[in-house]
Amino acid sequence: MRWRVAVAALLAAPVLAACAQHPLEQPPKGDLVHTVQVAGGGLAYCASAPIEGWGADVRRVIVAVHGLDRNACGMRQAVVDALGGEPAGTVVLAPHFATSVDALPGGHVWGTMTWPEGAESDAGASSYAALDELVARLDDRAVTLVGFSGGGQLTNRYAAVSPTELDAYVVINPSSYVWFSDERPGPTADCPAWNAWRYGLDHRNRYASRLSIGQIEEQYARRSVRYLIGTADDDPRSASLDRSCGAMAEGANREERAVNYVRHIREMFGPGVAARQPLIVVPGVGHDLAGMLGTDAALAALEPAPEG
């Protein structure tokens, strides 16, 4: 069947959860850059053609979310390269969550490290609300959301709190996750905000508070979420690793946090969730998107969920 597409941070510690060593310092440019008006402002995105120019032959969209480098076109190209080109009937679209240094005139401006958690832009629009409206423009097409590093953080949390129903969510090498209980594998002493929103469900922002905790848990448990992690993404001194106390309570490095989180999901929602939310481990790969997508198992994670 065709899937229906509906469409103040408490933490004082610095959040460094990104893939980006060299973030953009100007708006994206080029023939692949288009804009759309969503949630009261402009949002740039990279795609082979603007949404309004797509024909009926486009039946599937992969929405690919960058890390804190905010290199949307680079993110798109990495996915296209991994697929060996855009498959027939598929478009890879990468939104650009801009900050003050790389926003288009009249476009939304988010905080450098807050857009992955659904924070509001200068126009008062959550990055999740902007994504909701972007997806709504895609009409009745199958949609897979994939995010790497900071984009993986967004994908995980968006799957938890957005009412928009997508075909699948692919979470690749994020620095942290949102947990659904107050249990953690690491220490929480001397960390008063360890269970606050982005790491837990306490003190959620305005967008994330629209659903109750029970509603958030119910919809996340039934969604098709695929987790990818590289075994070499295990450096506890990585410059882009979130080392706030809330993140450290989830594990010492990205690989450990992924394993801990998937264990938490299965303990929280039961062993039956494993079929809908598998962990895909990529041996020998670190914090590298091309390497993560360079296996058959990882590419299979981008495929739509089975019908029925």
C-alpha atoms as a PDB file:
ATOM      1  CA  MET A   1       0.000   0.000   0.000  1.00  0.00           C
ATOM      2  CA  ARG A   2       1.040   3.623  -0.335  1.00  0.00           C
ATOM      3  CA  TRP A   3       1.867   5.220   2.955  1.00  0.00           C
ATOM      4  CA  ARG A   4      -0.166   8.207   4.044  1.00  0.00           C
ATOM      5  CA  VAL A   5       1.832  11.364   4.677  1.00  0.00           C
ATOM      6  CA  ALA A   6       0.014  13.544   7.221  1.00  0.00           C
ATOM      7  CA  VAL A   7       1.375  15.939   7.788  1.00  0.00           C
ATOM      8  CA  ALA A   8      14.059  26.509  25.766  1.00  0.00           C
ATOM      9  CA  ALA A   9      16.647  24.273  26.064  1.00  0.00           C
ATOM     10  CA  LEU A  10      17.321  23.555  29.779  1.00  0.00           C
ATOM     11  CA  LEU A  11      20.782  22.166  29.206  1.00  0.00           C
ATOM     12  CA  ALA A  12      23.538  24.634  29.978  1.00  0.00           C
ATOM     13  CA  ALA A  13      26.339  22.308  28.883  1.00  0.00           C
ATOM     14  CA  PRO A  14      27.551  22.793  25.312  1.00  0.00           C
ATOM     15  CA  VAL A  15      26.090  20.401  22.772  1.00  0.00           C
ATOM     16  CA  LEU A  16      28.664  19.341  20.203  1.00  0.00           C
ATOM     17  CA  ALA A  17      26.784  16.491  18.561  1.00  0.00           C
ATOM     18  CA  ALA A  18      27.503  16.930  14.894  1.00  0.00           C
ATOM     19  CA  CYS A  19      29.380  15.500  12.013  1.00  0.00           C
ATOM     20  CA  ALA A  20      30.567  18.890  10.959  1.00  0.00           C
ATOM     21  CA  GLN A  21      34.148  19.977  11.120  1.00  0.00           C
ATOM     22  CA  HIS A  22      33.641  22.731   8.507  1.00  0.00           C
ATOM     23  CA  PRO A  23      30.100  24.173   8.682  1.00  0.00           C
ATOM     24  CA  LEU A  24      28.756  26.322   5.881  1.00  0.00           C
ATOM     25  CA  GLU A  25      29.499  30.031   6.133  1.00  0.00           C
ATOM     26  CA  GLN A  26      27.180  31.218   3.352  1.00  0.00           C
ATOM     27  CA  PRO A  27      23.833  30.187   1.841  1.00  0.00           C
ATOM     28  CA  PRO A  28      23.914  27.089  -0.380  1.00  0.00           C
ATOM     29  CA  LYS A  29      24.283  27.800  -4.096  1.00  0.00           C
ATOM     30  CA  GLY A  30      23.931  25.954  -7.372  1.00  0.00           C
ATOM     31  CA  ASP A  31      21.406  24.535  -9.802  1.00  0.00           C
ATOM     32  CA  LEU A  32      20.257  21.940  -7.267  1.00  0.00           C
ATOM     33  CA  VAL A  33      19.239  24.540  -4.663  1.00  0.00           C
ATOM     34  CA  HIS A  34      15.528  25.414  -4.496  1.00  0.00           C
ATOM     35  CA  THR A  35      13.329  27.107  -1.908  1.00  0.00           C
ATOM     36  CA  VAL A  36       9.907  26.468  -0.466  1.00  0.00           C
ATOM     37  CA  GLN A  37       7.756  28.523   1.901  1.00  0.00           C
ATOM     38  CA  VAL A  38       6.989  26.498   5.020  1.00  0.00           C
ATOM     39  CA  ALA A  39       5.949  27.446   8.546  1.00  0.00           C
ATOM     40  CA  GLY A  40       6.093  31.168   7.822  1.00  0.00           C
ATOM     41  CA  GLY A  41       9.510  31.374   6.199  1.00  0.00           C
ATOM     42  CA  GLY A  42      11.744  30.178   3.415  1.00  0.00           C
ATOM     43  CA  LEU A  43      13.491  26.800   3.542  1.00  0.00           C
ATOM     44  CA  ALA A  44      16.217  25.937   1.051  1.00  0.00           C
ATOM     45  CA  TYR A  45      16.582  22.369  -0.136  1.00  0.00           C
ATOM     46  CA  CYS A  46      18.731  20.449  -2.600  1.00  0.00           C
ATOM     47  CA  ALA A  47      17.043  18.240  -5.185  1.00  0.00           C
ATOM     48  CA  SER A  48      17.377  17.382  -8.858  1.00  0.00           C
ATOM     49  CA  ALA A  49      14.263  19.472  -9.569  1.00  0.00           C
ATOM     50  CA  PRO A  50      11.912  21.697  -7.559  1.00  0.00           C
ATOM     51  CA  ILE A  51       8.997  19.903  -5.927  1.00  0.00           C
ATOM     52  CA  GLU A  52       6.430  21.651  -8.095  1.00  0.00           C
ATOM     53  CA  GLY A  53       8.189  20.316 -11.186  1.00  0.00           C
ATOM     54  CA  TRP A  54       7.916  16.653 -10.257  1.00  0.00           C
ATOM     55  CA  GLY A  55       5.690  14.456 -12.368  1.00  0.00           C
ATOM     56  CA  ALA A  56       3.410  11.597 -11.429  1.00  0.00           C
ATOM     57  CA  ASP A  57       6.279   9.197 -12.077  1.00  0.00           C
ATOM     58  CA  VAL A  58       7.934  10.344  -8.816  1.00  0.00           C
ATOM     59  CA  ARG A  59       6.458   7.915  -6.316  1.00  0.00           C
ATOM     60  CA  ARG A  60       9.079   7.909  -3.577  1.00  0.00           C
ATOM     61  CA  VAL A  61      11.142  10.575  -1.802  1.00  0.00           C
ATOM     62  CA  ILE A  62      14.202  10.127   0.394  1.00  0.00           C
ATOM     63  CA  VAL A  63      14.488  13.181   2.656  1.00  0.00           C
ATOM     64  CA  ALA A  64      18.145  13.337   3.707  1.00  0.00           C
ATOM     65  CA  VAL A  65      19.111  15.543   6.671  1.00  0.00           C
ATOM     66  CA  HIS A  66      22.637  16.913   7.059  1.00  0.00           C
ATOM     67  CA  GLY A  67      24.703  17.183  10.215  1.00  0.00           C
ATOM     68  CA  LEU A  68      25.865  20.377  11.884  1.00  0.00           C
ATOM     69  CA  ASP A  69      27.985  21.121   8.831  1.00  0.00           C
ATOM     70  CA  ARG A  70      24.607  22.028   7.254  1.00  0.00           C
ATOM     71  CA  ASN A  71      25.879  20.847   3.869  1.00  0.00           C
ATOM     72  CA  ALA A  72      22.535  19.800   2.454  1.00  0.00           C
ATOM     73  CA  CYS A  73      23.735  19.316  -1.108  1.00  0.00           C
ATOM     74  CA  GLY A  74      26.664  17.233   0.101  1.00  0.00           C
ATOM     75  CA  MET A  75      24.286  15.087   2.131  1.00  0.00           C
ATOM     76  CA  ARG A  76      22.063  14.588  -0.884  1.00  0.00           C
ATOM     77  CA  GLN A  77      25.003  13.678  -3.094  1.00  0.00           C
ATOM     78  CA  ALA A  78      26.292  11.106  -0.619  1.00  0.00           C
ATOM     79  CA  VAL A  79      22.926   9.328  -0.658  1.00  0.00           C
ATOM     80  CA  VAL A  80      22.647   9.543  -4.454  1.00  0.00           C
ATOM     81  CA  ASP A  81      26.177   8.166  -4.855  1.00  0.00           C
ATOM     82  CA  ALA A  82      25.431   5.286  -2.491  1.00  0.00           C
ATOM     83  CA  LEU A  83      22.338   4.427  -4.531  1.00  0.00           C
ATOM     84  CA  GLY A  84      24.326   4.557  -7.771  1.00  0.00           C
ATOM     85  CA  GLY A  85      22.219   7.496  -8.939  1.00  0.00           C
ATOM     86  CA  GLU A  86      18.619   8.427  -8.281  1.00  0.00           C
ATOM     87  CA  PRO A  87      16.525   5.334  -8.975  1.00  0.00           C
ATOM     88  CA  ALA A  88      13.643   5.674 -11.417  1.00  0.00           C
ATOM     89  CA  GLY A  89      10.622   7.154  -9.673  1.00  0.00           C
ATOM     90  CA  THR A  90      12.688   8.374  -6.691  1.00  0.00           C
ATOM     91  CA  VAL A  91      13.934  11.826  -5.702  1.00  0.00           C
ATOM     92  CA  VAL A  92      16.526  12.483  -2.974  1.00  0.00           C
ATOM     93  CA  LEU A  93      15.718  15.806  -1.288  1.00  0.00           C
ATOM     94  CA  ALA A  94      17.917  17.401   1.372  1.00  0.00           C
ATOM     95  CA  PRO A  95      16.536  20.323   3.418  1.00  0.00           C
ATOM     96  CA  HIS A  96      18.906  22.997   4.698  1.00  0.00           C
ATOM     97  CA  PHE A  97      18.398  24.002   8.340  1.00  0.00           C
ATOM     98  CA  ALA A  98      20.081  27.393   8.223  1.00  0.00           C
ATOM     99  CA  THR A  99      21.710  29.496  10.911  1.00  0.00           C
ATOM    100  CA  SER A 100      22.491  33.210  10.868  1.00  0.00           C
ATOM    101  CA  VAL A 101      25.631  32.697   8.765  1.00  0.00           C
ATOM    102  CA  ASP A 102      24.100  30.670   5.931  1.00  0.00           C
ATOM    103  CA  ALA A 103      20.418  31.609   5.761  1.00  0.00           C
ATOM    104  CA  LEU A 104      18.787  32.809   2.569  1.00  0.00           C
ATOM    105  CA  PRO A 105      17.129  36.263   2.619  1.00  0.00           C
ATOM    106  CA  GLY A 106      13.711  35.791   4.190  1.00  0.00           C
ATOM    107  CA  GLY A 107      14.577  32.262   5.258  1.00  0.00           C
ATOM    108  CA  HIS A 108      14.262  30.602   8.643  1.00  0.00           C
ATOM    109  CA  VAL A 109      17.220  31.006  11.013  1.00  0.00           C
ATOM    110  CA  TRP A 110      17.761  28.351  13.681  1.00  0.00           C
ATOM    111  CA  GLY A 111      20.410  28.012  16.363  1.00  0.00           C
ATOM    112  CA  THR A 112      23.620  26.294  15.321  1.00  0.00           C
ATOM    113  CA  MET A 113      23.051  23.329  17.609  1.00  0.00           C
ATOM    114  CA  THR A 114      19.338  23.523  18.395  1.00  0.00           C
ATOM    115  CA  TRP A 115      17.583  22.632  15.126  1.00  0.00           C
ATOM    116  CA  PRO A 116      18.094  18.855  15.684  1.00  0.00           C
ATOM    117  CA  GLU A 117      15.877  19.046  18.785  1.00  0.00           C
ATOM    118  CA  GLY A 118      13.022  20.918  17.108  1.00  0.00           C
ATOM    119  CA  ALA A 119      13.875  24.371  18.404  1.00  0.00           C
ATOM    120  CA  GLU A 120      12.160  27.408  16.931  1.00  0.00           C
ATOM    121  CA  SER A 121      13.560  29.692  14.265  1.00  0.00           C
ATOM    122  CA  ASP A 122      13.635  33.463  14.434  1.00  0.00           C
ATOM    123  CA  ALA A 123      10.181  33.305  12.849  1.00  0.00           C
ATOM    124  CA  GLY A 124       8.911  31.161  15.723  1.00  0.00           C
ATOM    125  CA  ALA A 125       8.754  27.915  13.744  1.00  0.00           C
ATOM    126  CA  SER A 126      10.101  24.626  15.031  1.00  0.00           C
ATOM    127  CA  SER A 127      12.444  22.868  12.630  1.00  0.00           C
ATOM    128  CA  TYR A 128      10.070  19.915  12.989  1.00  0.00           C
ATOM    129  CA  ALA A 129       7.097  22.042  11.958  1.00  0.00           C
ATOM    130  CA  ALA A 130       9.039  23.167   8.890  1.00  0.00           C
ATOM    131  CA  LEU A 131       9.763  19.520   8.082  1.00  0.00           C
ATOM    132  CA  ASP A 132       6.082  18.628   8.586  1.00  0.00           C
ATOM    133  CA  GLU A 133       5.055  21.234   6.034  1.00  0.00           C
ATOM    134  CA  LEU A 134       7.798  20.227   3.619  1.00  0.00           C
ATOM    135  CA  VAL A 135       6.634  16.614   3.730  1.00  0.00           C
ATOM    136  CA  ALA A 136       3.031  17.737   3.232  1.00  0.00           C
ATOM    137  CA  ARG A 137       4.117  19.315  -0.084  1.00  0.00           C
ATOM    138  CA  LEU A 138       5.232  15.878  -1.279  1.00  0.00           C
ATOM    139  CA  ASP A 139       1.606  14.736  -1.600  1.00  0.00           C
ATOM    140  CA  ASP A 140       0.795  11.026  -1.474  1.00  0.00           C
ATOM    141  CA  ARG A 141       4.314   9.743  -2.036  1.00  0.00           C
ATOM    142  CA  ALA A 142       6.227   7.234   0.052  1.00  0.00           C
ATOM    143  CA  VAL A 143       8.762   9.066   2.221  1.00  0.00           C
ATOM    144  CA  THR A 144      11.876   7.819   3.996  1.00  0.00           C
ATOM    145  CA  LEU A 145      13.634  10.229   6.349  1.00  0.00           C
ATOM    146  CA  VAL A 146      17.365   9.603   6.770  1.00  0.00           C
ATOM    147  CA  GLY A 147      19.734  11.644   8.901  1.00  0.00           C
ATOM    148  CA  PHE A 148      23.440  11.419   9.640  1.00  0.00           C
ATOM    149  CA  SER A 149      25.044  12.609  12.892  1.00  0.00           C
ATOM    150  CA  GLY A 150      23.169  15.821  13.813  1.00  0.00           C
ATOM    151  CA  GLY A 151      20.602  14.834  11.198  1.00  0.00           C
ATOM    152  CA  GLY A 152      20.378  11.442  12.899  1.00  0.00           C
ATOM    153  CA  GLN A 153      19.528  13.234  16.130  1.00  0.00           C
ATOM    154  CA  LEU A 154      16.738  15.077  14.344  1.00  0.00           C
ATOM    155  CA  THR A 155      15.431  11.879  12.726  1.00  0.00           C
ATOM    156  CA  ASN A 156      15.288  10.008  16.048  1.00  0.00           C
ATOM    157  CA  ARG A 157      13.475  12.778  17.887  1.00  0.00           C
ATOM    158  CA  TYR A 158      11.212  13.704  14.985  1.00  0.00           C
ATOM    159  CA  ALA A 159      10.067  10.080  14.796  1.00  0.00           C
ATOM    160  CA  ALA A 160       9.181  10.316  18.468  1.00  0.00           C
ATOM    161  CA  VAL A 161       7.165  13.540  18.575  1.00  0.00           C
ATOM    162  CA  SER A 162       5.930  14.391  15.073  1.00  0.00           C
ATOM    163  CA  PRO A 163       2.392  13.300  14.143  1.00  0.00           C
ATOM    164  CA  THR A 164       3.505  13.083  10.511  1.00  0.00           C
ATOM    165  CA  GLU A 165       3.516   9.453   9.352  1.00  0.00           C
ATOM    166  CA  LEU A 166       6.463   8.486   7.165  1.00  0.00           C
ATOM    167  CA  ASP A 167       7.358   5.221   5.528  1.00  0.00           C
ATOM    168  CA  ALA A 168      10.617   4.807   7.457  1.00  0.00           C
ATOM    169  CA  TYR A 169      13.148   6.662   9.592  1.00  0.00           C
ATOM    170  CA  VAL A 170      16.876   5.920   9.238  1.00  0.00           C
ATOM    171  CA  VAL A 171      19.101   7.120  12.101  1.00  0.00           C
ATOM    172  CA  ILE A 172      22.826   7.073  11.271  1.00  0.00           C
ATOM    173  CA  ASN A 173      25.615   7.650  13.830  1.00  0.00           C
ATOM    174  CA  PRO A 174      24.009  10.343  15.996  1.00  0.00           C
ATOM    175  CA  SER A 175      25.742  11.637  19.091  1.00  0.00           C
ATOM    176  CA  SER A 176      22.713  11.116  21.335  1.00  0.00           C
ATOM    177  CA  TYR A 177      19.115   9.861  21.402  1.00  0.00           C
ATOM    178  CA  VAL A 178      15.880  10.657  23.209  1.00  0.00           C
ATOM    179  CA  TRP A 179      15.164   8.052  25.894  1.00  0.00           C
ATOM    180  CA  PHE A 180      11.677   7.045  27.014  1.00  0.00           C
ATOM    181  CA  SER A 181      12.384   6.155  30.650  1.00  0.00           C
ATOM    182  CA  ASP A 182      14.444   7.621  33.469  1.00  0.00           C
ATOM    183  CA  GLU A 183      16.944   4.757  33.393  1.00  0.00           C
ATOM    184  CA  ARG A 184      20.406   5.248  31.889  1.00  0.00           C
ATOM    185  CA  PRO A 185      23.467   3.028  31.612  1.00  0.00           C
ATOM    186  CA  GLY A 186      25.784   5.859  32.682  1.00  0.00           C
ATOM    187  CA  PRO A 187      25.917   8.163  35.719  1.00  0.00           C
ATOM    188  CA  THR A 188      23.280  10.847  36.226  1.00  0.00           C
ATOM    189  CA  ALA A 189      24.512  12.306  39.509  1.00  0.00           C
ATOM    190  CA  ASP A 190      25.359  16.004  39.341  1.00  0.00           C
ATOM    191  CA  CYS A 191      23.441  16.291  36.077  1.00  0.00           C
ATOM    192  CA  PRO A 192      20.100  17.916  36.944  1.00  0.00           C
ATOM    193  CA  ALA A 193      18.860  18.048  33.344  1.00  0.00           C
ATOM    194  CA  TRP A 194      19.893  14.544  32.287  1.00  0.00           C
ATOM    195  CA  ASN A 195      16.289  13.550  31.479  1.00  0.00           C
ATOM    196  CA  ALA A 196      15.273  16.907  29.982  1.00  0.00           C
ATOM    197  CA  TRP A 197      14.326  17.174  26.317  1.00  0.00           C
ATOM    198  CA  ARG A 198      16.607  16.250  23.902  1.00  0.00           C
ATOM    199  CA  TYR A 199      17.912  13.387  26.055  1.00  0.00           C
ATOM    200  CA  GLY A 200      14.613  12.531  27.738  1.00  0.00           C
ATOM    201  CA  LEU A 201      10.972  13.573  27.794  1.00  0.00           C
ATOM    202  CA  ASP A 202      11.002  16.025  30.702  1.00  0.00           C
ATOM    203  CA  HIS A 203      10.607  19.747  29.965  1.00  0.00           C
ATOM    204  CA  ARG A 204       9.902  19.233  26.272  1.00  0.00           C
ATOM    205  CA  ASN A 205       9.877  22.235  23.976  1.00  0.00           C
ATOM    206  CA  ARG A 206       6.624  23.623  22.586  1.00  0.00           C
ATOM    207  CA  TYR A 207       6.503  21.373  19.520  1.00  0.00           C
ATOM    208  CA  ALA A 208       7.422  18.211  21.431  1.00  0.00           C
ATOM    209  CA  SER A 209       4.822  18.999  24.124  1.00  0.00           C
ATOM    210  CA  ARG A 210       1.890  18.776  21.705  1.00  0.00           C
ATOM    211  CA  LEU A 211       1.646  15.040  22.365  1.00  0.00           C
ATOM    212  CA  SER A 212       1.474  13.361  25.752  1.00  0.00           C
ATOM    213  CA  ILE A 213       4.243  11.018  26.840  1.00  0.00           C
ATOM    214  CA  GLY A 214       1.888   8.089  26.267  1.00  0.00           C
ATOM    215  CA  GLN A 215       1.164   9.228  22.705  1.00  0.00           C
ATOM    216  CA  ILE A 216       4.874   9.714  22.012  1.00  0.00           C
ATOM    217  CA  GLU A 217       5.705   6.236  23.243  1.00  0.00           C
ATOM    218  CA  GLU A 218       2.865   4.598  21.311  1.00  0.00           C
ATOM    219  CA  GLN A 219       3.734   6.120  17.978  1.00  0.00           C
ATOM    220  CA  TYR A 220       7.476   5.617  18.300  1.00  0.00           C
ATOM    221  CA  ALA A 221       7.054   1.946  19.193  1.00  0.00           C
ATOM    222  CA  ARG A 222       5.018   1.233  16.055  1.00  0.00           C
ATOM    223  CA  ARG A 223       7.155   3.176  13.598  1.00  0.00           C
ATOM    224  CA  SER A 224       9.762   1.696  11.266  1.00  0.00           C
ATOM    225  CA  VAL A 225      13.032   3.089  12.615  1.00  0.00           C
ATOM    226  CA  ARG A 226      16.369   1.707  11.433  1.00  0.00           C
ATOM    227  CA  TYR A 227      19.512   2.441  13.471  1.00  0.00           C
ATOM    228  CA  LEU A 228      22.933   2.393  11.788  1.00  0.00           C
ATOM    229  CA  ILE A 229      26.242   2.610  13.633  1.00  0.00           C
ATOM    230  CA  GLY A 230      29.859   2.068  12.632  1.00  0.00           C
ATOM    231  CA  THR A 231      31.993  -0.019  14.967  1.00  0.00           C
ATOM    232  CA  ALA A 232      34.868   2.455  14.581  1.00  0.00           C
ATOM    233  CA  ASP A 233      32.712   5.426  15.646  1.00  0.00           C
ATOM    234  CA  ASP A 234      33.950   4.756  19.150  1.00  0.00           C
ATOM    235  CA  ASP A 235      36.308   7.643  19.888  1.00  0.00           C
ATOM    236  CA  PRO A 236      35.386   9.200  23.255  1.00  0.00           C
ATOM    237  CA  ARG A 237      37.556  12.206  22.341  1.00  0.00           C
ATOM    238  CA  SER A 238      35.932  12.920  18.986  1.00  0.00           C
ATOM    239  CA  ALA A 239      35.779  16.691  18.474  1.00  0.00           C
ATOM    240  CA  SER A 240      32.145  16.473  17.382  1.00  0.00           C
ATOM    241  CA  LEU A 241      30.975  14.106  20.135  1.00  0.00           C
ATOM    242  CA  ASP A 242      28.417  15.471  22.581  1.00  0.00           C
ATOM    243  CA  ARG A 243      30.125  15.247  25.960  1.00  0.00           C
ATOM    244  CA  SER A 244      27.444  16.951  28.029  1.00  0.00           C
ATOM    245  CA  CYS A 245      26.389  15.003  31.098  1.00  0.00           C
ATOM    246  CA  GLY A 246      23.043  14.126  29.501  1.00  0.00           C
ATOM    247  CA  ALA A 247      24.796  12.515  26.565  1.00  0.00           C
ATOM    248  CA  MET A 248      27.466  10.818  28.679  1.00  0.00           C
ATOM    249  CA  ALA A 249      24.712   9.108  30.665  1.00  0.00           C
ATOM    250  CA  GLU A 250      23.831   7.289  27.405  1.00  0.00           C
ATOM    251  CA  GLY A 251      27.354   5.907  26.921  1.00  0.00           C
ATOM    252  CA  ALA A 252      30.981   6.863  26.390  1.00  0.00           C
ATOM    253  CA  ASN A 253      30.938   7.103  22.573  1.00  0.00           C
ATOM    254  CA  ARG A 254      28.583   6.863  19.600  1.00  0.00           C
ATOM    255  CA  GLU A 255      28.879   3.108  19.128  1.00  0.00           C
ATOM    256  CA  GLU A 256      28.215   2.406  22.793  1.00  0.00           C
ATOM    257  CA  ARG A 257      25.284   4.814  22.835  1.00  0.00           C
ATOM    258  CA  ALA A 258      23.690   3.136  19.810  1.00  0.00           C
ATOM    259  CA  VAL A 259      23.937  -0.327  21.371  1.00  0.00           C
ATOM    260  CA  ASN A 260      22.625   0.957  24.709  1.00  0.00           C
ATOM    261  CA  TYR A 261      19.747   2.758  23.034  1.00  0.00           C
ATOM    262  CA  VAL A 262      18.551  -0.204  21.007  1.00  0.00           C
ATOM    263  CA  ARG A 263      18.669  -2.322  24.171  1.00  0.00           C
ATOM    264  CA  HIS A 264      16.596   0.361  25.898  1.00  0.00           C
ATOM    265  CA  ILE A 265      14.039   0.372  23.062  1.00  0.00           C
ATOM    266  CA  ARG A 266      13.592  -3.399  23.275  1.00  0.00           C
ATOM    267  CA  GLU A 267      13.305  -3.336  27.050  1.00  0.00           C
ATOM    268  CA  MET A 268      10.853  -0.440  26.876  1.00  0.00           C
ATOM    269  CA  PHE A 269       8.586  -1.695  24.093  1.00  0.00           C
ATOM    270  CA  GLY A 270       9.162  -5.443  24.133  1.00  0.00           C
ATOM    271  CA  PRO A 271      11.116  -7.837  21.904  1.00  0.00           C
ATOM    272  CA  GLY A 272       8.568  -7.505  19.098  1.00  0.00           C
ATOM    273  CA  VAL A 273       9.879  -4.017  18.324  1.00  0.00           C
ATOM    274  CA  ALA A 274      13.139  -5.513  17.017  1.00  0.00           C
ATOM    275  CA  ALA A 275      11.608  -6.410  13.653  1.00  0.00           C
ATOM    276  CA  ARG A 276      10.444  -2.808  13.121  1.00  0.00           C
ATOM    277  CA  GLN A 277      13.521  -1.178  14.609  1.00  0.00           C
ATOM    278  CA  PRO A 278      16.690  -3.147  13.801  1.00  0.00           C
ATOM    279  CA  LEU A 279      20.244  -2.160  14.630  1.00  0.00           C
ATOM    280  CA  ILE A 280      22.538  -2.343  11.592  1.00  0.00           C
ATOM    281  CA  VAL A 281      26.205  -2.478  12.558  1.00  0.00           C
ATOM    282  CA  VAL A 282      28.768  -1.525   9.903  1.00  0.00           C
ATOM    283  CA  PRO A 283      32.163  -3.056  10.764  1.00  0.00           C
ATOM    284  CA  GLY A 284      35.262  -0.903  10.672  1.00  0.00           C
ATOM    285  CA  VAL A 285      33.558   2.381   9.763  1.00  0.00           C
ATOM    286  CA  GLY A 286      33.843   5.515  11.841  1.00  0.00           C
ATOM    287  CA  HIS A 287      32.011   8.824  11.616  1.00  0.00           C
ATOM    288  CA  ASP A 288      31.804   8.709   7.833  1.00  0.00           C
ATOM    289  CA  LEU A 289      28.549   8.847   5.872  1.00  0.00           C
ATOM    290  CA  ALA A 290      29.904   7.356   2.649  1.00  0.00           C
ATOM    291  CA  GLY A 291      31.414   4.468   4.575  1.00  0.00           C
ATOM    292  CA  MET A 292      28.180   3.915   6.477  1.00  0.00           C
ATOM    293  CA  LEU A 293      26.163   3.699   3.262  1.00  0.00           C
ATOM    294  CA  GLY A 294      28.717   1.526   1.496  1.00  0.00           C
ATOM    295  CA  THR A 295      27.226  -1.848   2.435  1.00  0.00           C
ATOM    296  CA  ASP A 296      24.232  -3.799   1.179  1.00  0.00           C
ATOM    297  CA  ALA A 297      22.748  -3.895   4.688  1.00  0.00           C
ATOM    298  CA  ALA A 298      22.929  -0.127   5.020  1.00  0.00           C
ATOM    299  CA  LEU A 299      21.402   0.438   1.583  1.00  0.00           C
ATOM    300  CA  ALA A 300      18.608  -1.970   2.469  1.00  0.00           C
ATOM    301  CA  ALA A 301      17.775   0.311   5.405  1.00  0.00           C
ATOM    302  CA  LEU A 302      16.834   3.018   2.900  1.00  0.00           C
ATOM    303  CA  GLU A 303      14.220   0.809   1.310  1.00  0.00           C
ATOM    304  CA  PRO A 304      10.526   1.302   2.130  1.00  0.00           C
ATOM    305  CA  ALA A 305       8.994  -0.770   4.912  1.00  0.00           C
ATOM    306  CA  PRO A 306       7.231  -3.956   3.762  1.00  0.00           C
ATOM    307  CA  GLU A 307       3.604  -3.455   2.768  1.00  0.00           C
ATOM    308  CA  GLY A 308       0.807  -4.766   4.875  1.00  0.00           C
END
